[in-house]
Amino acid sequence: MAKRKQVNLSVGRGEKSKTGGLTARGRAKYNAATGSNLKAPVTKKSGLTPKEKARRKSFCARMEGMPGPLKDKKGRPTRKALALKRWRC
């Protein structure tokens, strides 16, 4: 299996959102560097197509099972917690 190329993304350059996840700029940079096709998060619960519902449910199931805390040592939410909140998991 080929190793994926590392892409350096940062909040300061506007590629990561302070509320969790990547911005449109970050997704574009990642997609260009790796040949991926990342899409924007599904941030609403109602009025979704069946495909969007399945994508949201799949993301929530995968992300909730990830190891790691939801709060850091200072009591602030981690990137994991922010992403779960943004996707309304």
PDB file of N, CA and C in Angstrom:
ATOM      1  N   MET A   1       0.847  -1.179   0.000  1.00  0.00           N
ATOM      2  CA  MET A   1       0.000   0.000   0.000  1.00  0.00           C
ATOM      3  C   MET A   1       0.894   1.244   0.000  1.00  0.00           C
ATOM      4  N   ALA A   2       0.602   2.197  -0.873  1.00  0.00           N
ATOM      5  CA  ALA A   2       1.400   3.410  -0.984  1.00  0.00           C
ATOM      6  C   ALA A   2       1.123   4.353   0.179  1.00  0.00           C
ATOM      7  N   LYS A   3       2.160   5.013   0.618  1.00  0.00           N
ATOM      8  CA  LYS A   3       2.019   5.958   1.725  1.00  0.00           C
ATOM      9  C   LYS A   3       1.447   7.277   1.193  1.00  0.00           C
ATOM     10  N   ARG A   4       0.494   7.828   1.918  1.00  0.00           N
ATOM     11  CA  ARG A   4      -0.113   9.096   1.498  1.00  0.00           C
ATOM     12  C   ARG A   4       0.831  10.255   1.729  1.00  0.00           C
ATOM     13  N   LYS A   5       0.751  11.230   0.850  1.00  0.00           N
ATOM     14  CA  LYS A   5       1.571  12.427   0.975  1.00  0.00           C
ATOM     15  C   LYS A   5       1.062  13.278   2.142  1.00  0.00           C
ATOM     16  N   GLN A   6       1.976  13.754   2.973  1.00  0.00           N
ATOM     17  CA  GLN A   6       1.619  14.636   4.081  1.00  0.00           C
ATOM     18  C   GLN A   6       1.330  16.035   3.539  1.00  0.00           C
ATOM     19  N   VAL A   7       0.258  16.622   4.003  1.00  0.00           N
ATOM     20  CA  VAL A   7      -0.113  17.973   3.610  1.00  0.00           C
ATOM     21  C   VAL A   7      -0.146  18.815   4.874  1.00  0.00           C
ATOM     22  N   ASN A   8       0.601  19.904   4.878  1.00  0.00           N
ATOM     23  CA  ASN A   8       0.684  20.765   6.047  1.00  0.00           C
ATOM     24  C   ASN A   8      -0.423  21.822   5.978  1.00  0.00           C
ATOM     25  N   LEU A   9      -1.405  21.698   6.856  1.00  0.00           N
ATOM     26  CA  LEU A   9      -2.523  22.631   6.911  1.00  0.00           C
ATOM     27  C   LEU A   9      -2.493  23.368   8.239  1.00  0.00           C
ATOM     28  N   SER A  10      -2.891  24.636   8.233  1.00  0.00           N
ATOM     29  CA  SER A  10      -2.870  25.397   9.483  1.00  0.00           C
ATOM     30  C   SER A  10      -4.089  26.301   9.613  1.00  0.00           C
ATOM     31  N   VAL A  11      -4.416  26.623  10.863  1.00  0.00           N
ATOM     32  CA  VAL A  11      -5.512  27.545  11.150  1.00  0.00           C
ATOM     33  C   VAL A  11      -5.111  28.951  10.715  1.00  0.00           C
ATOM     34  N   GLY A  12      -3.866  29.321  10.975  1.00  0.00           N
ATOM     35  CA  GLY A  12      -3.380  30.671  10.681  1.00  0.00           C
ATOM     36  C   GLY A  12      -3.474  31.051   9.210  1.00  0.00           C
ATOM     37  N   ARG A  13      -3.271  30.085   8.327  1.00  0.00           N
ATOM     38  CA  ARG A  13      -3.356  30.369   6.890  1.00  0.00           C
ATOM     39  C   ARG A  13      -4.769  30.229   6.366  1.00  0.00           C
ATOM     40  N   GLY A  14      -5.716  29.909   7.243  1.00  0.00           N
ATOM     41  CA  GLY A  14      -7.115  29.801   6.843  1.00  0.00           C
ATOM     42  C   GLY A  14      -7.470  28.483   6.214  1.00  0.00           C
ATOM     43  N   GLU A  15      -6.669  27.428   6.465  1.00  0.00           N
ATOM     44  CA  GLU A  15      -6.936  26.135   5.866  1.00  0.00           C
ATOM     45  C   GLU A  15      -7.708  25.207   6.807  1.00  0.00           C
ATOM     46  N   LYS A  16      -7.609  25.475   8.106  1.00  0.00           N
ATOM     47  CA  LYS A  16      -8.377  24.746   9.109  1.00  0.00           C
ATOM     48  C   LYS A  16      -9.314  25.736   9.784  1.00  0.00           C
ATOM     49  N   SER A  17     -10.511  25.279  10.070  1.00  0.00           N
ATOM     50  CA  SER A  17     -11.484  26.130  10.743  1.00  0.00           C
ATOM     51  C   SER A  17     -11.260  26.086  12.247  1.00  0.00           C
ATOM     52  N   LYS A  18     -11.470  27.196  12.912  1.00  0.00           N
ATOM     53  CA  LYS A  18     -11.362  27.229  14.373  1.00  0.00           C
ATOM     54  C   LYS A  18     -12.516  26.464  15.010  1.00  0.00           C
ATOM     55  N   THR A  19     -13.572  26.211  14.253  1.00  0.00           N
ATOM     56  CA  THR A  19     -14.722  25.481  14.776  1.00  0.00           C
ATOM     57  C   THR A  19     -14.676  24.004  14.397  1.00  0.00           C
ATOM     58  N   GLY A  20     -13.540  23.523  13.895  1.00  0.00           N
ATOM     59  CA  GLY A  20     -13.373  22.117  13.563  1.00  0.00           C
ATOM     60  C   GLY A  20     -13.487  21.855  12.071  1.00  0.00           C
ATOM     61  N   GLY A  21     -12.635  20.997  11.559  1.00  0.00           N
ATOM     62  CA  GLY A  21     -12.666  20.641  10.146  1.00  0.00           C
ATOM     63  C   GLY A  21     -11.823  21.557   9.297  1.00  0.00           C
ATOM     64  N   LEU A  22     -11.918  21.378   7.987  1.00  0.00           N
ATOM     65  CA  LEU A  22     -11.164  22.170   7.036  1.00  0.00           C
ATOM     66  C   LEU A  22     -12.062  23.199   6.372  1.00  0.00           C
ATOM     67  N   THR A  23     -11.463  24.308   5.970  1.00  0.00           N
ATOM     68  CA  THR A  23     -12.188  25.310   5.206  1.00  0.00           C
ATOM     69  C   THR A  23     -12.158  24.898   3.736  1.00  0.00           C
ATOM     70  N   ALA A  24     -12.861  25.622   2.893  1.00  0.00           N
ATOM     71  CA  ALA A  24     -12.858  25.343   1.462  1.00  0.00           C
ATOM     72  C   ALA A  24     -11.429  25.443   0.922  1.00  0.00           C
ATOM     73  N   ARG A  25     -10.688  26.398   1.421  1.00  0.00           N
ATOM     74  CA  ARG A  25      -9.290  26.583   1.006  1.00  0.00           C
ATOM     75  C   ARG A  25      -8.435  25.375   1.409  1.00  0.00           C
ATOM     76  N   GLY A  26      -8.646  24.876   2.614  1.00  0.00           N
ATOM     77  CA  GLY A  26      -7.912  23.706   3.091  1.00  0.00           C
ATOM     78  C   GLY A  26      -8.247  22.455   2.305  1.00  0.00           C
ATOM     79  N   ARG A  27      -9.535  22.273   2.003  1.00  0.00           N
ATOM     80  CA  ARG A  27      -9.944  21.117   1.201  1.00  0.00           C
ATOM     81  C   ARG A  27      -9.341  21.182  -0.193  1.00  0.00           C
ATOM     82  N   ALA A  28      -9.317  22.367  -0.785  1.00  0.00           N
ATOM     83  CA  ALA A  28      -8.746  22.538  -2.125  1.00  0.00           C
ATOM     84  C   ALA A  28      -7.246  22.214  -2.117  1.00  0.00           C
ATOM     85  N   LYS A  29      -6.533  22.677  -1.099  1.00  0.00           N
ATOM     86  CA  LYS A  29      -5.097  22.414  -0.994  1.00  0.00           C
ATOM     87  C   LYS A  29      -4.843  20.921  -0.824  1.00  0.00           C
ATOM     88  N   TYR A  30      -5.612  20.277   0.052  1.00  0.00           N
ATOM     89  CA  TYR A  30      -5.449  18.845   0.300  1.00  0.00           C
ATOM     90  C   TYR A  30      -5.767  18.039  -0.960  1.00  0.00           C
ATOM     91  N   ASN A  31      -6.858  18.380  -1.627  1.00  0.00           N
ATOM     92  CA  ASN A  31      -7.249  17.660  -2.833  1.00  0.00           C
ATOM     93  C   ASN A  31      -6.199  17.797  -3.931  1.00  0.00           C
ATOM     94  N   ALA A  32      -5.639  18.997  -4.092  1.00  0.00           N
ATOM     95  CA  ALA A  32      -4.623  19.224  -5.114  1.00  0.00           C
ATOM     96  C   ALA A  32      -3.351  18.433  -4.812  1.00  0.00           C
ATOM     97  N   ALA A  33      -2.974  18.366  -3.554  1.00  0.00           N
ATOM     98  CA  ALA A  33      -1.736  17.695  -3.168  1.00  0.00           C
ATOM     99  C   ALA A  33      -1.841  16.179  -3.218  1.00  0.00           C
ATOM    100  N   THR A  34      -3.013  15.618  -2.932  1.00  0.00           N
ATOM    101  CA  THR A  34      -3.142  14.169  -2.811  1.00  0.00           C
ATOM    102  C   THR A  34      -3.991  13.511  -3.889  1.00  0.00           C
ATOM    103  N   GLY A  35      -4.693  14.304  -4.687  1.00  0.00           N
ATOM    104  CA  GLY A  35      -5.579  13.738  -5.688  1.00  0.00           C
ATOM    105  C   GLY A  35      -6.886  13.228  -5.090  1.00  0.00           C
ATOM    106  N   SER A  36      -7.173  13.611  -3.863  1.00  0.00           N
ATOM    107  CA  SER A  36      -8.400  13.199  -3.179  1.00  0.00           C
ATOM    108  C   SER A  36      -9.577  14.030  -3.659  1.00  0.00           C
ATOM    109  N   ASN A  37     -10.744  13.758  -3.082  1.00  0.00           N
ATOM    110  CA  ASN A  37     -11.940  14.524  -3.414  1.00  0.00           C
ATOM    111  C   ASN A  37     -12.731  14.790  -2.137  1.00  0.00           C
ATOM    112  N   LEU A  38     -12.099  15.508  -1.188  1.00  0.00           N
ATOM    113  CA  LEU A  38     -12.791  15.846   0.053  1.00  0.00           C
ATOM    114  C   LEU A  38     -13.937  16.791  -0.236  1.00  0.00           C
ATOM    115  N   LYS A  39     -15.039  16.583   0.456  1.00  0.00           N
ATOM    116  CA  LYS A  39     -16.213  17.440   0.291  1.00  0.00           C
ATOM    117  C   LYS A  39     -16.472  18.197   1.585  1.00  0.00           C
ATOM    118  N   ALA A  40     -17.301  19.221   1.498  1.00  0.00           N
ATOM    119  CA  ALA A  40     -17.662  20.021   2.667  1.00  0.00           C
ATOM    120  C   ALA A  40     -18.473  19.169   3.644  1.00  0.00           C
ATOM    121  N   PRO A  41     -18.421  19.509   4.949  1.00  0.00           N
ATOM    122  CA  PRO A  41     -19.190  18.744   5.926  1.00  0.00           C
ATOM    123  C   PRO A  41     -20.695  18.928   5.748  1.00  0.00           C
ATOM    124  N   VAL A  42     -21.446  17.909   6.147  1.00  0.00           N
ATOM    125  CA  VAL A  42     -22.908  17.970   6.140  1.00  0.00           C
ATOM    126  C   VAL A  42     -23.293  18.506   7.512  1.00  0.00           C
ATOM    127  N   THR A  43     -23.617  19.793   7.580  1.00  0.00           N
ATOM    128  CA  THR A  43     -23.797  20.444   8.877  1.00  0.00           C
ATOM    129  C   THR A  43     -25.245  20.638   9.296  1.00  0.00           C
ATOM    130  N   LYS A  44     -26.176  20.092   8.547  1.00  0.00           N
ATOM    131  CA  LYS A  44     -27.577  20.197   8.963  1.00  0.00           C
ATOM    132  C   LYS A  44     -28.157  18.802   9.095  1.00  0.00           C
ATOM    133  N   LYS A  45     -29.263  18.677   9.817  1.00  0.00           N
ATOM    134  CA  LYS A  45     -29.864  17.361  10.048  1.00  0.00           C
ATOM    135  C   LYS A  45     -31.086  17.107   9.175  1.00  0.00           C
ATOM    136  N   SER A  46     -31.824  18.156   8.826  1.00  0.00           N
ATOM    137  CA  SER A  46     -33.052  17.949   8.055  1.00  0.00           C
ATOM    138  C   SER A  46     -32.884  18.493   6.642  1.00  0.00           C
ATOM    139  N   GLY A  47     -33.715  18.017   5.745  1.00  0.00           N
ATOM    140  CA  GLY A  47     -33.687  18.482   4.366  1.00  0.00           C
ATOM    141  C   GLY A  47     -32.504  17.947   3.576  1.00  0.00           C
ATOM    142  N   LEU A  48     -32.010  16.775   3.949  1.00  0.00           N
ATOM    143  CA  LEU A  48     -30.857  16.194   3.271  1.00  0.00           C
ATOM    144  C   LEU A  48     -31.293  15.150   2.256  1.00  0.00           C
ATOM    145  N   THR A  49     -30.465  14.976   1.237  1.00  0.00           N
ATOM    146  CA  THR A  49     -30.705  13.883   0.302  1.00  0.00           C
ATOM    147  C   THR A  49     -30.301  12.578   0.988  1.00  0.00           C
ATOM    148  N   PRO A  50     -30.758  11.450   0.510  1.00  0.00           N
ATOM    149  CA  PRO A  50     -30.360  10.174   1.119  1.00  0.00           C
ATOM    150  C   PRO A  50     -28.841   9.969   1.130  1.00  0.00           C
ATOM    151  N   LYS A  51     -28.171  10.444   0.095  1.00  0.00           N
ATOM    152  CA  LYS A  51     -26.711  10.314   0.014  1.00  0.00           C
ATOM    153  C   LYS A  51     -26.039  11.149   1.115  1.00  0.00           C
ATOM    154  N   GLU A  52     -26.535  12.362   1.335  1.00  0.00           N
ATOM    155  CA  GLU A  52     -25.981  13.225   2.387  1.00  0.00           C
ATOM    156  C   GLU A  52     -26.240  12.633   3.772  1.00  0.00           C
ATOM    157  N   LYS A  53     -27.438  12.068   3.967  1.00  0.00           N
ATOM    158  CA  LYS A  53     -27.760  11.441   5.254  1.00  0.00           C
ATOM    159  C   LYS A  53     -26.804  10.295   5.541  1.00  0.00           C
ATOM    160  N   ALA A  54     -26.566   9.468   4.534  1.00  0.00           N
ATOM    161  CA  ALA A  54     -25.674   8.321   4.701  1.00  0.00           C
ATOM    162  C   ALA A  54     -24.246   8.779   4.972  1.00  0.00           C
ATOM    163  N   ARG A  55     -23.813   9.832   4.286  1.00  0.00           N
ATOM    164  CA  ARG A  55     -22.456  10.356   4.479  1.00  0.00           C
ATOM    165  C   ARG A  55     -22.278  10.894   5.887  1.00  0.00           C
ATOM    166  N   ARG A  56     -23.266  11.631   6.373  1.00  0.00           N
ATOM    167  CA  ARG A  56     -23.207  12.190   7.718  1.00  0.00           C
ATOM    168  C   ARG A  56     -23.202  11.078   8.769  1.00  0.00           C
ATOM    169  N   LYS A  57     -24.079  10.102   8.605  1.00  0.00           N
ATOM    170  CA  LYS A  57     -24.161   8.991   9.544  1.00  0.00           C
ATOM    171  C   LYS A  57     -22.848   8.200   9.567  1.00  0.00           C
ATOM    172  N   SER A  58     -22.266   7.986   8.411  1.00  0.00           N
ATOM    173  CA  SER A  58     -21.011   7.257   8.303  1.00  0.00           C
ATOM    174  C   SER A  58     -19.879   8.021   8.985  1.00  0.00           C
ATOM    175  N   PHE A  59     -19.803   9.327   8.737  1.00  0.00           N
ATOM    176  CA  PHE A  59     -18.756  10.139   9.366  1.00  0.00           C
ATOM    177  C   PHE A  59     -18.889  10.096  10.882  1.00  0.00           C
ATOM    178  N   CYS A  60     -20.096  10.279  11.377  1.00  0.00           N
ATOM    179  CA  CYS A  60     -20.318  10.293  12.827  1.00  0.00           C
ATOM    180  C   CYS A  60     -19.923   8.961  13.451  1.00  0.00           C
ATOM    181  N   ALA A  61     -20.294   7.858  12.810  1.00  0.00           N
ATOM    182  CA  ALA A  61     -19.955   6.541  13.344  1.00  0.00           C
ATOM    183  C   ALA A  61     -18.449   6.340  13.383  1.00  0.00           C
ATOM    184  N   ARG A  62     -17.751   6.734  12.320  1.00  0.00           N
ATOM    185  CA  ARG A  62     -16.286   6.584  12.274  1.00  0.00           C
ATOM    186  C   ARG A  62     -15.601   7.487  13.282  1.00  0.00           C
ATOM    187  N   MET A  63     -16.007   8.746  13.318  1.00  0.00           N
ATOM    188  CA  MET A  63     -15.324   9.738  14.151  1.00  0.00           C
ATOM    189  C   MET A  63     -15.570   9.503  15.639  1.00  0.00           C
ATOM    190  N   GLU A  64     -16.769   9.090  16.009  1.00  0.00           N
ATOM    191  CA  GLU A  64     -17.065   8.834  17.424  1.00  0.00           C
ATOM    192  C   GLU A  64     -16.245   7.668  17.951  1.00  0.00           C
ATOM    193  N   GLY A  65     -15.845   6.748  17.078  1.00  0.00           N
ATOM    194  CA  GLY A  65     -15.048   5.604  17.488  1.00  0.00           C
ATOM    195  C   GLY A  65     -13.559   5.872  17.549  1.00  0.00           C
ATOM    196  N   MET A  66     -13.122   7.061  17.143  1.00  0.00           N
ATOM    197  CA  MET A  66     -11.701   7.388  17.159  1.00  0.00           C
ATOM    198  C   MET A  66     -11.192   7.511  18.589  1.00  0.00           C
ATOM    199  N   PRO A  67      -9.962   7.039  18.824  1.00  0.00           N
ATOM    200  CA  PRO A  67      -9.405   7.191  20.164  1.00  0.00           C
ATOM    201  C   PRO A  67      -9.048   8.648  20.441  1.00  0.00           C
ATOM    202  N   GLY A  68      -9.018   8.990  21.687  1.00  0.00           N
ATOM    203  CA  GLY A  68      -8.619  10.337  22.064  1.00  0.00           C
ATOM    204  C   GLY A  68      -9.702  11.058  22.833  1.00  0.00           C
ATOM    205  N   PRO A  69      -9.276  12.021  23.641  1.00  0.00           N
ATOM    206  CA  PRO A  69     -10.220  12.739  24.490  1.00  0.00           C
ATOM    207  C   PRO A  69     -11.029  13.773  23.711  1.00  0.00           C
ATOM    208  N   LEU A  70     -12.119  14.217  24.312  1.00  0.00           N
ATOM    209  CA  LEU A  70     -12.927  15.286  23.729  1.00  0.00           C
ATOM    210  C   LEU A  70     -12.515  16.649  24.292  1.00  0.00           C
ATOM    211  N   LYS A  71     -11.736  16.630  25.375  1.00  0.00           N
ATOM    212  CA  LYS A  71     -11.234  17.875  25.974  1.00  0.00           C
ATOM    213  C   LYS A  71      -9.739  17.730  26.209  1.00  0.00           C
ATOM    214  N   ASP A  72      -8.996  18.844  26.075  1.00  0.00           N
ATOM    215  CA  ASP A  72      -7.568  18.803  26.350  1.00  0.00           C
ATOM    216  C   ASP A  72      -7.316  19.026  27.844  1.00  0.00           C
ATOM    217  N   LYS A  73      -6.060  19.136  28.232  1.00  0.00           N
ATOM    218  CA  LYS A  73      -5.700  19.271  29.649  1.00  0.00           C
ATOM    219  C   LYS A  73      -6.254  20.546  30.275  1.00  0.00           C
ATOM    220  N   LYS A  74      -6.479  21.563  29.463  1.00  0.00           N
ATOM    221  CA  LYS A  74      -7.004  22.832  29.974  1.00  0.00           C
ATOM    222  C   LYS A  74      -8.534  22.894  29.908  1.00  0.00           C
ATOM    223  N   GLY A  75      -9.162  21.803  29.488  1.00  0.00           N
ATOM    224  CA  GLY A  75     -10.621  21.763  29.437  1.00  0.00           C
ATOM    225  C   GLY A  75     -11.227  22.299  28.155  1.00  0.00           C
ATOM    226  N   ARG A  76     -10.393  22.624  27.171  1.00  0.00           N
ATOM    227  CA  ARG A  76     -10.890  23.105  25.878  1.00  0.00           C
ATOM    228  C   ARG A  76     -11.234  21.921  24.980  1.00  0.00           C
ATOM    229  N   PRO A  77     -12.213  22.070  24.099  1.00  0.00           N
ATOM    230  CA  PRO A  77     -12.561  20.960  23.208  1.00  0.00           C
ATOM    231  C   PRO A  77     -11.427  20.689  22.216  1.00  0.00           C
ATOM    232  N   THR A  78     -11.189  19.411  21.928  1.00  0.00           N
ATOM    233  CA  THR A  78     -10.167  19.028  20.955  1.00  0.00           C
ATOM    234  C   THR A  78     -10.723  19.179  19.545  1.00  0.00           C
ATOM    235  N   ARG A  79      -9.870  19.008  18.531  1.00  0.00           N
ATOM    236  CA  ARG A  79     -10.312  19.083  17.134  1.00  0.00           C
ATOM    237  C   ARG A  79     -11.377  18.006  16.878  1.00  0.00           C
ATOM    238  N   LYS A  80     -11.218  16.854  17.522  1.00  0.00           N
ATOM    239  CA  LYS A  80     -12.202  15.775  17.381  1.00  0.00           C
ATOM    240  C   LYS A  80     -13.573  16.240  17.863  1.00  0.00           C
ATOM    241  N   ALA A  81     -13.614  16.838  19.043  1.00  0.00           N
ATOM    242  CA  ALA A  81     -14.882  17.311  19.609  1.00  0.00           C
ATOM    243  C   ALA A  81     -15.497  18.396  18.735  1.00  0.00           C
ATOM    244  N   LEU A  82     -14.664  19.287  18.215  1.00  0.00           N
ATOM    245  CA  LEU A  82     -15.162  20.371  17.366  1.00  0.00           C
ATOM    246  C   LEU A  82     -15.764  19.822  16.079  1.00  0.00           C
ATOM    247  N   ALA A  83     -15.097  18.828  15.483  1.00  0.00           N
ATOM    248  CA  ALA A  83     -15.607  18.225  14.244  1.00  0.00           C
ATOM    249  C   ALA A  83     -16.940  17.517  14.489  1.00  0.00           C
ATOM    250  N   LEU A  84     -17.031  16.773  15.599  1.00  0.00           N
ATOM    251  CA  LEU A  84     -18.277  16.086  15.912  1.00  0.00           C
ATOM    252  C   LEU A  84     -19.408  17.078  16.132  1.00  0.00           C
ATOM    253  N   LYS A  85     -19.111  18.183  16.776  1.00  0.00           N
ATOM    254  CA  LYS A  85     -20.125  19.205  17.004  1.00  0.00           C
ATOM    255  C   LYS A  85     -20.561  19.847  15.695  1.00  0.00           C
ATOM    256  N   ARG A  86     -19.598  20.129  14.823  1.00  0.00           N
ATOM    257  CA  ARG A  86     -19.901  20.767  13.545  1.00  0.00           C
ATOM    258  C   ARG A  86     -20.777  19.874  12.661  1.00  0.00           C
ATOM    259  N   TRP A  87     -20.523  18.576  12.701  1.00  0.00           N
ATOM    260  CA  TRP A  87     -21.317  17.631  11.917  1.00  0.00           C
ATOM    261  C   TRP A  87     -22.613  17.260  12.614  1.00  0.00           C
ATOM    262  N   ARG A  88     -22.859  17.790  13.816  1.00  0.00           N
ATOM    263  CA  ARG A  88     -24.041  17.521  14.617  1.00  0.00           C
ATOM    264  C   ARG A  88     -24.192  16.035  14.942  1.00  0.00           C
ATOM    265  N   CYS A  89     -23.092  15.441  15.405  1.00  0.00           N
ATOM    266  CA  CYS A  89     -23.090  14.011  15.764  1.00  0.00           C
ATOM    267  C   CYS A  89     -23.573  13.854  17.189  1.00  0.00           C
TER     268      CYS A  89
END
